[in-house]
Amino acid sequence: RLAGQSRVPVYAMIRPREGGFVFTAEEVDQMLADID
């Protein structure tokens, strides 16, 4: 929300946890919520 005030375009990392990138259905749902 703070970054929404940035003069420079901001891209947010969407990664729910450390480690590899094979995600469960629950983690995908979390990422969808983070995109929102």
PDB file of all heavy atoms in Angstrom:
ATOM      1  N   ARG A   1       0.837  -1.202   0.000  1.00  0.00           N
ATOM      2  CA  ARG A   1       0.000   0.000   0.000  1.00  0.00           C
ATOM      3  C   ARG A   1       0.871   1.251   0.000  1.00  0.00           C
ATOM      4  O   ARG A   1       0.580   2.227  -0.708  1.00  0.00           O
ATOM      5  CB  ARG A   1      -0.923  -0.014   1.210  1.00  0.00           C
ATOM      6  CG  ARG A   1      -1.906   1.143   1.242  1.00  0.00           C
ATOM      7  CD  ARG A   1      -2.952   0.952   2.310  1.00  0.00           C
ATOM      8  NE  ARG A   1      -3.905   2.052   2.326  1.00  0.00           N
ATOM      9  CZ  ARG A   1      -4.969   2.107   3.132  1.00  0.00           C
ATOM     10  NH1 ARG A   1      -5.214   1.115   3.975  1.00  0.00           N
ATOM     11  NH2 ARG A   1      -5.779   3.138   3.087  1.00  0.00           N
ATOM     12  N   LEU A   2       1.944   1.243   0.772  1.00  0.00           N
ATOM     13  CA  LEU A   2       2.872   2.368   0.789  1.00  0.00           C
ATOM     14  C   LEU A   2       3.500   2.553  -0.590  1.00  0.00           C
ATOM     15  O   LEU A   2       3.652   3.679  -1.082  1.00  0.00           O
ATOM     16  CB  LEU A   2       3.956   2.126   1.837  1.00  0.00           C
ATOM     17  CG  LEU A   2       4.979   3.244   2.062  1.00  0.00           C
ATOM     18  CD1 LEU A   2       4.296   4.501   2.601  1.00  0.00           C
ATOM     19  CD2 LEU A   2       6.061   2.780   3.023  1.00  0.00           C
ATOM     20  N   ALA A   3       3.831   1.446  -1.241  1.00  0.00           N
ATOM     21  CA  ALA A   3       4.458   1.503  -2.564  1.00  0.00           C
ATOM     22  C   ALA A   3       3.512   2.048  -3.627  1.00  0.00           C
ATOM     23  O   ALA A   3       3.968   2.511  -4.677  1.00  0.00           O
ATOM     24  CB  ALA A   3       4.945   0.115  -2.967  1.00  0.00           C
ATOM     25  N   GLY A   4       2.218   2.000  -3.351  1.00  0.00           N
ATOM     26  CA  GLY A   4       1.260   2.564  -4.291  1.00  0.00           C
ATOM     27  C   GLY A   4       1.431   4.059  -4.485  1.00  0.00           C
ATOM     28  O   GLY A   4       0.924   4.628  -5.453  1.00  0.00           O
ATOM     29  N   GLN A   5       2.177   4.715  -3.580  1.00  0.00           N
ATOM     30  CA  GLN A   5       2.431   6.144  -3.673  1.00  0.00           C
ATOM     31  C   GLN A   5       3.748   6.450  -4.394  1.00  0.00           C
ATOM     32  O   GLN A   5       4.128   7.609  -4.543  1.00  0.00           O
ATOM     33  CB  GLN A   5       2.471   6.743  -2.264  1.00  0.00           C
ATOM     34  CG  GLN A   5       1.227   6.483  -1.436  1.00  0.00           C
ATOM     35  CD  GLN A   5       1.414   6.867   0.025  1.00  0.00           C
ATOM     36  OE1 GLN A   5       2.187   7.773   0.350  1.00  0.00           O
ATOM     37  NE2 GLN A   5       0.717   6.186   0.917  1.00  0.00           N
ATOM     38  N   SER A   6       4.445   5.409  -4.843  1.00  0.00           N
ATOM     39  CA  SER A   6       5.758   5.589  -5.458  1.00  0.00           C
ATOM     40  C   SER A   6       5.669   6.346  -6.780  1.00  0.00           C
ATOM     41  O   SER A   6       4.762   6.127  -7.578  1.00  0.00           O
ATOM     42  CB  SER A   6       6.401   4.212  -5.693  1.00  0.00           C
ATOM     43  OG  SER A   6       7.573   4.313  -6.466  1.00  0.00           O
ATOM     44  N   ARG A   7       6.652   7.212  -7.026  1.00  0.00           N
ATOM     45  CA  ARG A   7       6.756   7.902  -8.311  1.00  0.00           C
ATOM     46  C   ARG A   7       7.303   6.955  -9.390  1.00  0.00           C
ATOM     47  O   ARG A   7       7.079   7.170 -10.569  1.00  0.00           O
ATOM     48  CB  ARG A   7       7.674   9.118  -8.194  1.00  0.00           C
ATOM     49  CG  ARG A   7       7.181  10.193  -7.235  1.00  0.00           C
ATOM     50  CD  ARG A   7       8.029  11.463  -7.370  1.00  0.00           C
ATOM     51  NE  ARG A   7       9.440  11.211  -7.113  1.00  0.00           N
ATOM     52  CZ  ARG A   7      10.009  11.250  -5.917  1.00  0.00           C
ATOM     53  NH1 ARG A   7       9.271  11.497  -4.851  1.00  0.00           N
ATOM     54  NH2 ARG A   7      11.302  11.034  -5.776  1.00  0.00           N
ATOM     55  N   VAL A   8       8.046   5.950  -8.951  1.00  0.00           N
ATOM     56  CA  VAL A   8       8.628   4.957  -9.850  1.00  0.00           C
ATOM     57  C   VAL A   8       7.702   3.741  -9.881  1.00  0.00           C
ATOM     58  O   VAL A   8       7.228   3.299  -8.836  1.00  0.00           O
ATOM     59  CB  VAL A   8      10.032   4.543  -9.352  1.00  0.00           C
ATOM     60  CG1 VAL A   8      10.638   3.480 -10.257  1.00  0.00           C
ATOM     61  CG2 VAL A   8      10.947   5.755  -9.256  1.00  0.00           C
ATOM     62  N   PRO A   9       7.417   3.172 -11.053  1.00  0.00           N
ATOM     63  CA  PRO A   9       6.555   1.984 -11.106  1.00  0.00           C
ATOM     64  C   PRO A   9       7.091   0.855 -10.219  1.00  0.00           C
ATOM     65  O   PRO A   9       8.298   0.592 -10.197  1.00  0.00           O
ATOM     66  CB  PRO A   9       6.590   1.588 -12.585  1.00  0.00           C
ATOM     67  CG  PRO A   9       6.920   2.859 -13.305  1.00  0.00           C
ATOM     68  CD  PRO A   9       7.836   3.619 -12.398  1.00  0.00           C
ATOM     69  N   VAL A  10       6.189   0.208  -9.499  1.00  0.00           N
ATOM     70  CA  VAL A  10       6.569  -0.852  -8.560  1.00  0.00           C
ATOM     71  C   VAL A  10       5.924  -2.172  -8.974  1.00  0.00           C
ATOM     72  O   VAL A  10       4.725  -2.234  -9.243  1.00  0.00           O
ATOM     73  CB  VAL A  10       6.147  -0.493  -7.123  1.00  0.00           C
ATOM     74  CG1 VAL A  10       6.423  -1.659  -6.171  1.00  0.00           C
ATOM     75  CG2 VAL A  10       6.870   0.763  -6.646  1.00  0.00           C
ATOM     76  N   TYR A  11       6.748  -3.229  -8.996  1.00  0.00           N
ATOM     77  CA  TYR A  11       6.281  -4.590  -9.226  1.00  0.00           C
ATOM     78  C   TYR A  11       6.487  -5.379  -7.939  1.00  0.00           C
ATOM     79  O   TYR A  11       7.601  -5.402  -7.397  1.00  0.00           O
ATOM     80  CB  TYR A  11       7.070  -5.261 -10.362  1.00  0.00           C
ATOM     81  CG  TYR A  11       6.630  -4.898 -11.752  1.00  0.00           C
ATOM     82  CD1 TYR A  11       6.390  -3.572 -12.123  1.00  0.00           C
ATOM     83  CD2 TYR A  11       6.463  -5.872 -12.722  1.00  0.00           C
ATOM     84  CE1 TYR A  11       5.995  -3.246 -13.401  1.00  0.00           C
ATOM     85  CE2 TYR A  11       6.074  -5.561 -14.012  1.00  0.00           C
ATOM     86  CZ  TYR A  11       5.840  -4.247 -14.350  1.00  0.00           C
ATOM     87  OH  TYR A  11       5.443  -3.919 -15.630  1.00  0.00           O
ATOM     88  N   ALA A  12       5.459  -6.045  -7.466  1.00  0.00           N
ATOM     89  CA  ALA A  12       5.555  -6.817  -6.236  1.00  0.00           C
ATOM     90  C   ALA A  12       5.916  -8.269  -6.532  1.00  0.00           C
ATOM     91  O   ALA A  12       5.330  -8.897  -7.424  1.00  0.00           O
ATOM     92  CB  ALA A  12       4.233  -6.768  -5.475  1.00  0.00           C
ATOM     93  N   MET A  13       6.859  -8.806  -5.781  1.00  0.00           N
ATOM     94  CA  MET A  13       7.160 -10.229  -5.851  1.00  0.00           C
ATOM     95  C   MET A  13       5.962 -11.012  -5.312  1.00  0.00           C
ATOM     96  O   MET A  13       5.419 -10.667  -4.245  1.00  0.00           O
ATOM     97  CB  MET A  13       8.406 -10.542  -5.022  1.00  0.00           C
ATOM     98  CG  MET A  13       8.690 -12.016  -4.836  1.00  0.00           C
ATOM     99  SD  MET A  13       9.073 -12.864  -6.378  1.00  0.00           S
ATOM    100  CE  MET A  13      10.746 -12.287  -6.671  1.00  0.00           C
ATOM    101  N   ILE A  14       5.549 -12.043  -6.050  1.00  0.00           N
ATOM    102  CA  ILE A  14       4.493 -12.927  -5.583  1.00  0.00           C
ATOM    103  C   ILE A  14       5.111 -14.309  -5.392  1.00  0.00           C
ATOM    104  O   ILE A  14       5.238 -15.106  -6.320  1.00  0.00           O
ATOM    105  CB  ILE A  14       3.316 -12.986  -6.589  1.00  0.00           C
ATOM    106  CG1 ILE A  14       2.783 -11.578  -6.888  1.00  0.00           C
ATOM    107  CG2 ILE A  14       2.213 -13.887  -6.059  1.00  0.00           C
ATOM    108  CD1 ILE A  14       2.178 -10.852  -5.703  1.00  0.00           C
ATOM    109  N   ARG A  15       5.542 -14.568  -4.180  1.00  0.00           N
ATOM    110  CA  ARG A  15       6.191 -15.837  -3.827  1.00  0.00           C
ATOM    111  C   ARG A  15       5.848 -16.128  -2.370  1.00  0.00           C
ATOM    112  O   ARG A  15       6.289 -15.407  -1.474  1.00  0.00           O
ATOM    113  CB  ARG A  15       7.699 -15.727  -4.035  1.00  0.00           C
ATOM    114  CG  ARG A  15       8.468 -17.029  -3.771  1.00  0.00           C
ATOM    115  CD  ARG A  15       9.957 -16.822  -3.974  1.00  0.00           C
ATOM    116  NE  ARG A  15      10.722 -17.994  -3.571  1.00  0.00           N
ATOM    117  CZ  ARG A  15      11.933 -17.937  -3.022  1.00  0.00           C
ATOM    118  NH1 ARG A  15      12.524 -16.759  -2.797  1.00  0.00           N
ATOM    119  NH2 ARG A  15      12.552 -19.045  -2.687  1.00  0.00           N
ATOM    120  N   PRO A  16       5.078 -17.163  -2.098  1.00  0.00           N
ATOM    121  CA  PRO A  16       4.495 -17.328  -0.766  1.00  0.00           C
ATOM    122  C   PRO A  16       5.426 -17.869   0.302  1.00  0.00           C
ATOM    123  O   PRO A  16       5.118 -17.789   1.491  1.00  0.00           O
ATOM    124  CB  PRO A  16       3.341 -18.308  -1.016  1.00  0.00           C
ATOM    125  CG  PRO A  16       3.788 -19.116  -2.193  1.00  0.00           C
ATOM    126  CD  PRO A  16       4.556 -18.148  -3.058  1.00  0.00           C
ATOM    127  N   ARG A  17       6.556 -18.432  -0.113  1.00  0.00           N
ATOM    128  CA  ARG A  17       7.467 -19.059   0.861  1.00  0.00           C
ATOM    129  C   ARG A  17       8.846 -19.213   0.236  1.00  0.00           C
ATOM    130  O   ARG A  17       9.018 -19.065  -0.974  1.00  0.00           O
ATOM    131  CB  ARG A  17       6.936 -20.433   1.280  1.00  0.00           C
ATOM    132  CG  ARG A  17       6.654 -21.335   0.093  1.00  0.00           C
ATOM    133  CD  ARG A  17       6.670 -22.798   0.404  1.00  0.00           C
ATOM    134  NE  ARG A  17       6.246 -23.589  -0.741  1.00  0.00           N
ATOM    135  CZ  ARG A  17       7.002 -23.856  -1.810  1.00  0.00           C
ATOM    136  NH1 ARG A  17       8.244 -23.372  -1.875  1.00  0.00           N
ATOM    137  NH2 ARG A  17       6.541 -24.595  -2.807  1.00  0.00           N
ATOM    138  N   GLU A  18       9.805 -19.542   1.097  1.00  0.00           N
ATOM    139  CA  GLU A  18      11.146 -19.820   0.596  1.00  0.00           C
ATOM    140  C   GLU A  18      11.188 -21.202  -0.058  1.00  0.00           C
ATOM    141  O   GLU A  18      10.244 -21.988   0.031  1.00  0.00           O
ATOM    142  CB  GLU A  18      12.152 -19.760   1.746  1.00  0.00           C
ATOM    143  CG  GLU A  18      11.921 -20.804   2.820  1.00  0.00           C
ATOM    144  CD  GLU A  18      12.888 -20.655   3.972  1.00  0.00           C
ATOM    145  OE1 GLU A  18      14.100 -20.901   3.756  1.00  0.00           O
ATOM    146  OE2 GLU A  18      12.449 -20.319   5.083  1.00  0.00           O
ATOM    147  N   GLY A  19      12.312 -21.502  -0.708  1.00  0.00           N
ATOM    148  CA  GLY A  19      12.487 -22.819  -1.307  1.00  0.00           C
ATOM    149  C   GLY A  19      12.111 -22.837  -2.774  1.00  0.00           C
ATOM    150  O   GLY A  19      12.146 -21.813  -3.454  1.00  0.00           O
ATOM    151  N   GLY A  20      11.749 -24.031  -3.261  1.00  0.00           N
ATOM    152  CA  GLY A  20      11.475 -24.226  -4.674  1.00  0.00           C
ATOM    153  C   GLY A  20      10.164 -23.628  -5.125  1.00  0.00           C
ATOM    154  O   GLY A  20       9.435 -22.996  -4.348  1.00  0.00           O
ATOM    155  N   PHE A  21       9.825 -23.901  -6.386  1.00  0.00           N
ATOM    156  CA  PHE A  21       8.719 -23.194  -7.028  1.00  0.00           C
ATOM    157  C   PHE A  21       7.609 -24.125  -7.491  1.00  0.00           C
ATOM    158  O   PHE A  21       6.817 -23.775  -8.355  1.00  0.00           O
ATOM    159  CB  PHE A  21       9.265 -22.383  -8.201  1.00  0.00           C
ATOM    160  CG  PHE A  21      10.341 -21.417  -7.780  1.00  0.00           C
ATOM    161  CD1 PHE A  21      11.680 -21.701  -8.022  1.00  0.00           C
ATOM    162  CD2 PHE A  21      10.021 -20.253  -7.121  1.00  0.00           C
ATOM    163  CE1 PHE A  21      12.674 -20.822  -7.614  1.00  0.00           C
ATOM    164  CE2 PHE A  21      11.002 -19.363  -6.714  1.00  0.00           C
ATOM    165  CZ  PHE A  21      12.332 -19.650  -6.957  1.00  0.00           C
ATOM    166  N   VAL A  22       7.551 -25.329  -6.900  1.00  0.00           N
ATOM    167  CA  VAL A  22       6.433 -26.239  -7.137  1.00  0.00           C
ATOM    168  C   VAL A  22       5.412 -25.959  -6.033  1.00  0.00           C
ATOM    169  O   VAL A  22       5.680 -26.202  -4.855  1.00  0.00           O
ATOM    170  CB  VAL A  22       6.882 -27.715  -7.111  1.00  0.00           C
ATOM    171  CG1 VAL A  22       5.680 -28.640  -7.341  1.00  0.00           C
ATOM    172  CG2 VAL A  22       7.956 -27.961  -8.158  1.00  0.00           C
ATOM    173  N   PHE A  23       4.253 -25.433  -6.424  1.00  0.00           N
ATOM    174  CA  PHE A  23       3.300 -24.926  -5.440  1.00  0.00           C
ATOM    175  C   PHE A  23       2.070 -25.815  -5.328  1.00  0.00           C
ATOM    176  O   PHE A  23       1.604 -26.403  -6.314  1.00  0.00           O
ATOM    177  CB  PHE A  23       2.877 -23.501  -5.811  1.00  0.00           C
ATOM    178  CG  PHE A  23       4.012 -22.510  -5.794  1.00  0.00           C
ATOM    179  CD1 PHE A  23       4.448 -21.900  -6.959  1.00  0.00           C
ATOM    180  CD2 PHE A  23       4.657 -22.207  -4.611  1.00  0.00           C
ATOM    181  CE1 PHE A  23       5.494 -20.998  -6.945  1.00  0.00           C
ATOM    182  CE2 PHE A  23       5.712 -21.299  -4.580  1.00  0.00           C
ATOM    183  CZ  PHE A  23       6.134 -20.696  -5.749  1.00  0.00           C
ATOM    184  N   THR A  24       1.542 -25.892  -4.115  1.00  0.00           N
ATOM    185  CA  THR A  24       0.298 -26.607  -3.862  1.00  0.00           C
ATOM    186  C   THR A  24      -0.890 -25.743  -4.274  1.00  0.00           C
ATOM    187  O   THR A  24      -0.745 -24.532  -4.517  1.00  0.00           O
ATOM    188  CB  THR A  24       0.163 -26.943  -2.375  1.00  0.00           C
ATOM    189  OG1 THR A  24       0.025 -25.709  -1.634  1.00  0.00           O
ATOM    190  CG2 THR A  24       1.375 -27.717  -1.862  1.00  0.00           C
ATOM    191  N   ALA A  25      -2.058 -26.347  -4.318  1.00  0.00           N
ATOM    192  CA  ALA A  25      -3.270 -25.602  -4.664  1.00  0.00           C
ATOM    193  C   ALA A  25      -3.517 -24.480  -3.657  1.00  0.00           C
ATOM    194  O   ALA A  25      -3.935 -23.375  -4.034  1.00  0.00           O
ATOM    195  CB  ALA A  25      -4.466 -26.543  -4.710  1.00  0.00           C
ATOM    196  N   GLU A  26      -3.225 -24.746  -2.390  1.00  0.00           N
ATOM    197  CA  GLU A  26      -3.420 -23.717  -1.362  1.00  0.00           C
ATOM    198  C   GLU A  26      -2.456 -22.549  -1.564  1.00  0.00           C
ATOM    199  O   GLU A  26      -2.824 -21.390  -1.373  1.00  0.00           O
ATOM    200  CB  GLU A  26      -3.233 -24.324   0.037  1.00  0.00           C
ATOM    201  CG  GLU A  26      -4.285 -25.336   0.439  1.00  0.00           C
ATOM    202  CD  GLU A  26      -4.011 -26.740  -0.114  1.00  0.00           C
ATOM    203  OE1 GLU A  26      -2.950 -26.934  -0.765  1.00  0.00           O
ATOM    204  OE2 GLU A  26      -4.853 -27.611   0.094  1.00  0.00           O
ATOM    205  N   GLU A  27      -1.229 -22.847  -1.947  1.00  0.00           N
ATOM    206  CA  GLU A  27      -0.253 -21.783  -2.182  1.00  0.00           C
ATOM    207  C   GLU A  27      -0.627 -20.968  -3.419  1.00  0.00           C
ATOM    208  O   GLU A  27      -0.430 -19.743  -3.434  1.00  0.00           O
ATOM    209  CB  GLU A  27       1.144 -22.388  -2.333  1.00  0.00           C
ATOM    210  CG  GLU A  27       1.696 -22.909  -1.009  1.00  0.00           C
ATOM    211  CD  GLU A  27       2.958 -23.731  -1.164  1.00  0.00           C
ATOM    212  OE1 GLU A  27       3.166 -24.324  -2.248  1.00  0.00           O
ATOM    213  OE2 GLU A  27       3.745 -23.801  -0.192  1.00  0.00           O
ATOM    214  N   VAL A  28      -1.186 -21.626  -4.424  1.00  0.00           N
ATOM    215  CA  VAL A  28      -1.649 -20.890  -5.592  1.00  0.00           C
ATOM    216  C   VAL A  28      -2.783 -19.949  -5.198  1.00  0.00           C
ATOM    217  O   VAL A  28      -2.825 -18.780  -5.634  1.00  0.00           O
ATOM    218  CB  VAL A  28      -2.097 -21.858  -6.709  1.00  0.00           C
ATOM    219  CG1 VAL A  28      -2.766 -21.086  -7.848  1.00  0.00           C
ATOM    220  CG2 VAL A  28      -0.906 -22.648  -7.244  1.00  0.00           C
ATOM    221  N   ASP A  29      -3.696 -20.414  -4.355  1.00  0.00           N
ATOM    222  CA  ASP A  29      -4.772 -19.542  -3.871  1.00  0.00           C
ATOM    223  C   ASP A  29      -4.201 -18.344  -3.118  1.00  0.00           C
ATOM    224  O   ASP A  29      -4.707 -17.216  -3.248  1.00  0.00           O
ATOM    225  CB  ASP A  29      -5.721 -20.325  -2.958  1.00  0.00           C
ATOM    226  CG  ASP A  29      -6.620 -21.290  -3.710  1.00  0.00           C
ATOM    227  OD1 ASP A  29      -6.762 -21.131  -4.942  1.00  0.00           O
ATOM    228  OD2 ASP A  29      -7.179 -22.200  -3.070  1.00  0.00           O
ATOM    229  N   GLN A  30      -3.150 -18.584  -2.341  1.00  0.00           N
ATOM    230  CA  GLN A  30      -2.500 -17.483  -1.617  1.00  0.00           C
ATOM    231  C   GLN A  30      -1.905 -16.478  -2.595  1.00  0.00           C
ATOM    232  O   GLN A  30      -2.039 -15.251  -2.413  1.00  0.00           O
ATOM    233  CB  GLN A  30      -1.416 -18.038  -0.701  1.00  0.00           C
ATOM    234  CG  GLN A  30      -0.670 -16.969   0.102  1.00  0.00           C
ATOM    235  CD  GLN A  30       0.404 -17.567   0.992  1.00  0.00           C
ATOM    236  OE1 GLN A  30       0.394 -18.761   1.282  1.00  0.00           O
ATOM    237  NE2 GLN A  30       1.336 -16.739   1.422  1.00  0.00           N
ATOM    238  N   MET A  31      -1.271 -16.966  -3.641  1.00  0.00           N
ATOM    239  CA  MET A  31      -0.673 -16.066  -4.629  1.00  0.00           C
ATOM    240  C   MET A  31      -1.749 -15.272  -5.370  1.00  0.00           C
ATOM    241  O   MET A  31      -1.561 -14.080  -5.661  1.00  0.00           O
ATOM    242  CB  MET A  31       0.194 -16.859  -5.608  1.00  0.00           C
ATOM    243  CG  MET A  31       1.472 -17.385  -4.981  1.00  0.00           C
ATOM    244  SD  MET A  31       2.663 -18.054  -6.198  1.00  0.00           S
ATOM    245  CE  MET A  31       1.883 -19.623  -6.547  1.00  0.00           C
ATOM    246  N   LEU A  32      -2.866 -15.894  -5.647  1.00  0.00           N
ATOM    247  CA  LEU A  32      -3.968 -15.168  -6.286  1.00  0.00           C
ATOM    248  C   LEU A  32      -4.456 -14.033  -5.386  1.00  0.00           C
ATOM    249  O   LEU A  32      -4.730 -12.920  -5.870  1.00  0.00           O
ATOM    250  CB  LEU A  32      -5.115 -16.129  -6.603  1.00  0.00           C
ATOM    251  CG  LEU A  32      -4.851 -17.128  -7.735  1.00  0.00           C
ATOM    252  CD1 LEU A  32      -5.954 -18.180  -7.765  1.00  0.00           C
ATOM    253  CD2 LEU A  32      -4.743 -16.430  -9.077  1.00  0.00           C
ATOM    254  N   ALA A  33      -4.541 -14.305  -4.082  1.00  0.00           N
ATOM    255  CA  ALA A  33      -4.951 -13.258  -3.138  1.00  0.00           C
ATOM    256  C   ALA A  33      -3.907 -12.149  -3.067  1.00  0.00           C
ATOM    257  O   ALA A  33      -4.248 -10.957  -2.949  1.00  0.00           O
ATOM    258  CB  ALA A  33      -5.192 -13.865  -1.757  1.00  0.00           C
ATOM    259  N   ASP A  34      -2.624 -12.517  -3.144  1.00  0.00           N
ATOM    260  CA  ASP A  34      -1.562 -11.509  -3.108  1.00  0.00           C
ATOM    261  C   ASP A  34      -1.576 -10.647  -4.374  1.00  0.00           C
ATOM    262  O   ASP A  34      -1.284  -9.447  -4.321  1.00  0.00           O
ATOM    263  CB  ASP A  34      -0.200 -12.184  -2.943  1.00  0.00           C
ATOM    264  CG  ASP A  34       0.009 -12.744  -1.540  1.00  0.00           C
ATOM    265  OD1 ASP A  34      -0.612 -12.223  -0.598  1.00  0.00           O
ATOM    266  OD2 ASP A  34       0.793 -13.704  -1.398  1.00  0.00           O
ATOM    267  N   ILE A  35      -1.898 -11.245  -5.507  1.00  0.00           N
ATOM    268  CA  ILE A  35      -2.043 -10.461  -6.731  1.00  0.00           C
ATOM    269  C   ILE A  35      -3.180  -9.453  -6.574  1.00  0.00           C
ATOM    270  O   ILE A  35      -3.053  -8.276  -6.969  1.00  0.00           O
ATOM    271  CB  ILE A  35      -2.291 -11.386  -7.942  1.00  0.00           C
ATOM    272  CG1 ILE A  35      -1.012 -12.165  -8.269  1.00  0.00           C
ATOM    273  CG2 ILE A  35      -2.743 -10.582  -9.166  1.00  0.00           C
ATOM    274  CD1 ILE A  35      -1.210 -13.273  -9.272  1.00  0.00           C
ATOM    275  N   ASP A  36      -4.281  -9.880  -5.980  1.00  0.00           N
ATOM    276  CA  ASP A  36      -5.396  -8.963  -5.719  1.00  0.00           C
ATOM    277  C   ASP A  36      -4.946  -7.809  -4.825  1.00  0.00           C
ATOM    278  O   ASP A  36      -5.333  -6.654  -5.048  1.00  0.00           O
ATOM    279  CB  ASP A  36      -6.554  -9.705  -5.050  1.00  0.00           C
ATOM    280  CG  ASP A  36      -7.290 -10.641  -5.997  1.00  0.00           C
ATOM    281  OD1 ASP A  36      -7.122 -10.495  -7.224  1.00  0.00           O
ATOM    282  OD2 ASP A  36      -8.038 -11.518  -5.506  1.00  0.00           O
TER     283      ASP A  36
END
